[in-house]
Amino acid sequence: MNRKVIFITGGSTGIGAASVRLFAERGWNVSFMDIDSEEAARLIASTGHDGQILFTQGNTRSRSDIDAAVDATIARWGRLDSVFANAGIHRRNTLLDITDEELDLMIDTNIRGTVNTLRAAVPRIIASGGGTVVINVSDQWYVGKPHSFGYGLTKGALGQITRSLALDLGPQGVRVNAVCAGTVRTPLVDNLFKKYEAEGRGSAREFWEEENALYMRGRVGEPDEIARLVYFLASDESSFCTGGHFLADGGLVAG
């Protein structure tokens, strides 16, 4: 069986992990990278598709880590058809209180880490005959949110990268699209709310209730719901889509 191959960053938990599972279930070979090797091992063991999954520990801020992970993918399967640039971080800040260190961390992770990923993966996709790029942007490509200066800044940049890459890579047979999700119930968000709770700002449960109330469906998204959109954009099902920003936000932007 000639399986397609995808490389996913930030694949151990949340949207990344849901994507690893879904692509493996649908017959793809899946290579993923993350800093968390323990969660990666648990994920692989839970899928029942371990022969289709390759994990490499690493950080997207490191060019050498990304290069090694993509090289391992090619060594294992000989091709690369798609990349899901998913890894990223969130911090609560405004222009007036963000530190130099936090700004550098967010830019290095969300922007430079994505660029590192694409610089390693895209040439291999072209060499394999073309394919797809999916970038995890945010609903903040469309709307601003309070206390989200650094996150909005970096995700806005990724939204623009999506458009420019689509134009540059289209002639080489590569489609590029962005997933723009609202809040999703992931460890990233849960840990943020627990941090607020530890700082005495309120309970994590109350933060989740407030977040759920923002959405027309009365709840935030689930990782599996976003993974299905990622699959659509990475697969031939979206063959006429490129340069697009696809919302999965429970109607938040519409409201």
Protein backbone atom coordinates (compact mmCIF):
# COMPACT_ATOMS: atom_id res chain seq x y z
CA MET A 1 0.00 0.00 0.00
CA ASN A 2 1.44 3.38 -1.05
CA ARG A 3 0.51 5.49 1.98
CA LYS A 4 0.76 9.25 2.02
CA VAL A 5 3.12 10.75 4.61
CA ILE A 6 2.55 13.76 6.89
CA PHE A 7 4.86 15.48 9.35
CA ILE A 8 3.22 17.14 12.38
CA THR A 9 4.80 19.40 14.99
CA GLY A 10 3.50 19.62 18.54
CA GLY A 11 1.94 16.20 18.08
CA SER A 12 1.97 14.75 21.59
CA THR A 13 -1.14 16.44 22.96
CA GLY A 14 -4.19 18.49 22.00
CA ILE A 15 -4.90 19.24 18.35
CA GLY A 16 -1.60 17.69 17.29
CA ALA A 17 -2.32 14.39 19.01
CA ALA A 18 -5.86 14.26 17.60
CA SER A 19 -4.36 14.83 14.15
CA VAL A 20 -1.78 12.07 14.60
CA ARG A 21 -4.57 9.64 15.49
CA LEU A 22 -6.88 10.68 12.66
CA PHE A 23 -4.28 10.56 9.89
CA ALA A 24 -3.09 7.14 11.06
CA GLU A 25 -6.68 5.88 11.20
CA ARG A 26 -7.22 7.07 7.63
CA GLY A 27 -4.21 5.20 6.32
CA TRP A 28 -1.44 7.79 6.32
CA ASN A 29 2.06 7.31 7.65
CA VAL A 30 2.55 9.93 10.36
CA SER A 31 5.79 11.45 11.60
CA PHE A 32 5.52 13.85 14.49
CA MET A 33 7.79 15.88 16.71
CA ASP A 34 7.29 17.24 20.22
CA ILE A 35 9.31 18.12 23.30
CA ASP A 36 7.20 15.72 25.41
CA SER A 37 8.38 12.16 24.79
CA GLU A 38 6.29 10.62 27.60
CA GLU A 39 3.00 11.87 26.16
CA ALA A 40 4.21 10.82 22.70
CA ALA A 41 4.77 7.26 23.89
CA ARG A 42 1.31 7.13 25.46
CA LEU A 43 -0.25 8.48 22.29
CA ILE A 44 1.43 5.94 20.02
CA ALA A 45 0.49 3.07 22.34
CA SER A 46 -3.15 4.19 22.32
CA THR A 47 -3.57 4.36 18.54
CA GLY A 48 -3.16 0.74 17.51
CA HIS A 49 -1.27 2.04 14.46
CA ASP A 50 2.26 2.15 15.85
CA GLY A 51 3.73 0.76 12.62
CA GLN A 52 2.48 3.86 10.80
CA ILE A 53 3.79 6.38 13.33
CA LEU A 54 7.28 7.79 13.87
CA PHE A 55 8.15 10.09 16.78
CA THR A 56 11.19 12.34 17.07
CA GLN A 57 11.79 14.39 20.19
CA GLY A 58 12.71 17.99 19.51
CA ASN A 59 11.88 21.67 19.66
CA THR A 60 10.76 23.67 16.64
CA ARG A 61 12.91 26.58 17.78
CA SER A 62 15.92 24.45 16.84
CA ARG A 63 16.71 24.16 13.12
CA SER A 64 18.80 21.07 13.80
CA ASP A 65 15.93 19.36 15.67
CA ILE A 66 13.50 20.03 12.84
CA ASP A 67 15.98 18.98 10.17
CA ALA A 68 16.67 15.73 12.04
CA ALA A 69 12.96 14.95 12.36
CA VAL A 70 12.26 15.55 8.67
CA ASP A 71 15.37 13.58 7.68
CA ALA A 72 14.12 10.68 9.83
CA THR A 73 10.76 10.86 8.08
CA ILE A 74 12.36 10.61 4.65
CA ALA A 75 14.68 7.82 5.81
CA ARG A 76 11.68 5.85 7.07
CA TRP A 77 9.22 6.34 4.20
CA GLY A 78 11.14 7.94 1.33
CA ARG A 79 8.72 10.81 0.74
CA LEU A 80 6.73 13.63 2.35
CA ASP A 81 3.30 14.69 1.13
CA SER A 82 2.14 17.13 3.79
CA VAL A 83 3.17 19.12 6.84
CA PHE A 84 1.00 20.40 9.67
CA ALA A 85 2.87 23.25 11.40
CA ASN A 86 0.99 23.04 14.67
CA ALA A 87 3.42 23.71 17.54
CA GLY A 88 2.94 26.96 19.40
CA ILE A 89 2.54 28.61 22.79
CA HIS A 90 0.14 31.09 24.40
CA ARG A 91 0.88 33.69 27.05
CA ARG A 92 -1.41 36.32 28.57
CA ASN A 93 0.04 39.82 28.05
CA THR A 94 -0.48 43.31 26.68
CA LEU A 95 1.91 45.77 25.05
CA LEU A 96 2.36 47.42 28.44
CA ASP A 97 3.39 44.36 30.43
CA ILE A 98 5.01 41.91 28.00
CA THR A 99 8.69 41.40 28.85
CA ASP A 100 11.48 41.22 26.31
CA GLU A 101 12.03 37.59 27.27
CA GLU A 102 8.39 36.63 26.79
CA LEU A 103 8.15 38.48 23.47
CA ASP A 104 11.28 36.73 22.21
CA LEU A 105 9.93 33.34 23.34
CA MET A 106 6.61 33.83 21.57
CA ILE A 107 8.20 35.05 18.34
CA ASP A 108 10.82 32.29 18.39
CA THR A 109 8.24 29.56 19.04
CA ASN A 110 5.19 30.65 17.05
CA ILE A 111 6.85 32.39 14.10
CA ARG A 112 10.42 31.16 13.85
CA GLY A 113 9.43 27.62 14.88
CA THR A 114 6.85 27.53 12.10
CA VAL A 115 9.30 28.96 9.57
CA ASN A 116 11.91 26.38 10.65
CA THR A 117 9.34 23.65 10.13
CA LEU A 118 8.38 24.85 6.68
CA ARG A 119 11.97 25.39 5.55
CA ALA A 120 12.75 21.77 6.39
CA ALA A 121 9.53 20.18 5.13
CA VAL A 122 8.49 22.09 2.01
CA PRO A 123 11.53 21.21 -0.17
CA ARG A 124 10.86 17.52 0.61
CA ILE A 125 7.20 17.92 -0.35
CA ILE A 126 8.21 19.51 -3.64
CA ALA A 127 10.74 16.72 -4.25
CA SER A 128 7.96 14.18 -3.64
CA GLY A 129 5.86 15.68 -6.42
CA GLY A 130 3.91 18.32 -4.52
CA GLY A 131 1.43 18.23 -1.67
CA THR A 132 0.03 20.36 1.11
CA VAL A 133 0.93 22.67 3.95
CA VAL A 134 -1.45 23.31 6.85
CA ILE A 135 -0.61 26.00 9.41
CA ASN A 136 -2.25 26.28 12.81
CA VAL A 137 -3.13 29.98 12.91
CA SER A 138 -6.01 31.10 15.18
CA ASP A 139 -9.33 32.87 15.17
CA GLN A 140 -7.14 35.83 16.12
CA TRP A 141 -6.32 36.18 12.43
CA TYR A 142 -9.88 37.55 12.28
CA VAL A 143 -10.46 39.17 15.67
CA GLY A 144 -8.49 40.75 18.48
CA LYS A 145 -8.78 39.50 22.05
CA PRO A 146 -7.85 41.24 25.30
CA HIS A 147 -4.59 40.37 27.04
CA SER A 148 -3.39 38.49 23.96
CA PHE A 149 -0.88 40.92 22.46
CA GLY A 150 1.98 38.48 21.82
CA TYR A 151 -0.23 35.64 20.68
CA GLY A 152 -2.25 37.84 18.32
CA LEU A 153 0.94 39.36 16.92
CA THR A 154 2.48 35.98 16.12
CA LYS A 155 -0.68 34.34 14.83
CA GLY A 156 -1.37 37.33 12.59
CA ALA A 157 2.06 36.81 11.08
CA LEU A 158 1.26 33.15 10.40
CA GLY A 159 -1.96 34.18 8.66
CA GLN A 160 0.03 36.35 6.28
CA ILE A 161 2.65 33.63 5.77
CA THR A 162 -0.20 31.37 4.60
CA ARG A 163 -1.14 33.77 1.82
CA SER A 164 2.39 34.50 0.60
CA LEU A 165 3.37 30.82 0.63
CA ALA A 166 0.28 29.86 -1.35
CA LEU A 167 1.36 32.24 -4.10
CA ASP A 168 5.02 31.20 -4.04
CA LEU A 169 4.44 27.44 -3.84
CA GLY A 170 1.39 27.03 -6.06
CA PRO A 171 3.44 26.71 -9.26
CA GLN A 172 5.38 23.89 -7.59
CA GLY A 173 2.29 21.88 -6.80
CA VAL A 174 1.97 22.78 -3.13
CA ARG A 175 -1.28 24.03 -1.60
CA VAL A 176 -1.12 26.09 1.61
CA ASN A 177 -4.01 26.70 4.01
CA ALA A 178 -4.56 27.84 7.60
CA VAL A 179 -6.72 26.41 10.35
CA CYS A 180 -8.19 29.24 12.43
CA ALA A 181 -9.62 27.67 15.56
CA GLY A 182 -11.33 29.28 18.49
CA THR A 183 -10.55 28.08 21.99
CA VAL A 184 -10.12 24.31 22.10
CA ARG A 185 -10.08 22.11 25.19
CA THR A 186 -6.39 21.25 25.18
CA PRO A 187 -3.69 20.90 27.86
CA LEU A 188 -2.26 24.23 26.63
CA VAL A 189 -5.40 26.13 27.65
CA ASP A 190 -6.10 24.01 30.73
CA ASN A 191 -2.60 24.62 32.06
CA LEU A 192 -3.03 28.35 31.47
CA PHE A 193 -6.26 28.40 33.50
CA LYS A 194 -4.61 26.36 36.27
CA LYS A 195 -1.79 28.90 36.32
CA TYR A 196 -4.32 31.70 36.81
CA GLU A 197 -5.92 29.68 39.61
CA ALA A 198 -2.54 29.27 41.33
CA GLU A 199 -2.05 33.04 41.07
CA GLY A 200 -5.34 33.61 42.89
CA ARG A 201 -7.26 35.03 39.91
CA GLY A 202 -10.15 32.55 40.21
CA SER A 203 -10.81 28.86 39.69
CA ALA A 204 -9.94 26.94 36.55
CA ARG A 205 -13.52 25.69 36.45
CA GLU A 206 -14.83 29.25 36.39
CA PHE A 207 -12.44 30.19 33.60
CA TRP A 208 -13.68 27.27 31.52
CA GLU A 209 -17.31 28.25 32.19
CA GLU A 210 -16.61 31.82 31.07
CA GLU A 211 -14.86 30.58 27.93
CA ASN A 212 -17.67 28.16 27.07
CA ALA A 213 -20.19 30.98 27.36
CA LEU A 214 -18.50 32.92 24.53
CA TYR A 215 -19.53 30.36 21.93
CA MET A 216 -22.91 29.91 20.23
CA ARG A 217 -22.81 26.17 20.88
CA GLY A 218 -22.26 26.78 24.59
CA ARG A 219 -18.85 25.19 24.64
CA VAL A 220 -15.32 25.44 23.33
CA GLY A 221 -14.04 23.15 20.61
CA GLU A 222 -12.63 19.66 20.97
CA PRO A 223 -9.29 18.57 19.44
CA ASP A 224 -10.96 15.94 17.24
CA GLU A 225 -13.16 18.60 15.63
CA ILE A 226 -10.12 20.62 14.59
CA ALA A 227 -8.22 17.53 13.44
CA ARG A 228 -10.98 16.76 10.95
CA LEU A 229 -10.49 20.19 9.39
CA VAL A 230 -6.73 19.65 9.30
CA TYR A 231 -7.29 16.36 7.50
CA PHE A 232 -9.59 17.99 4.93
CA LEU A 233 -7.00 20.66 4.14
CA ALA A 234 -4.08 18.23 3.98
CA SER A 235 -5.86 15.67 1.82
CA ASP A 236 -7.10 15.67 -1.76
CA GLU A 237 -10.60 16.41 -0.43
CA SER A 238 -9.62 20.11 -0.49
CA SER A 239 -8.03 20.01 -3.96
CA PHE A 240 -9.41 23.44 -4.97
CA CYS A 241 -8.40 25.19 -1.72
CA THR A 242 -5.21 27.19 -1.29
CA GLY A 243 -4.31 30.43 0.43
CA GLY A 244 -7.39 30.13 2.64
CA HIS A 245 -8.07 30.75 6.32
CA PHE A 246 -10.62 28.21 7.57
CA LEU A 247 -12.54 29.00 10.74
CA ALA A 248 -13.49 26.39 13.29
CA ASP A 249 -14.65 28.74 16.01
CA GLY A 250 -18.17 27.77 17.04
CA GLY A 251 -19.51 30.95 15.47
CA LEU A 252 -17.44 33.34 17.60
CA VAL A 253 -16.34 35.54 14.70
CA ALA A 254 -19.85 35.59 13.22
CA GLY A 255 -21.21 36.94 16.52
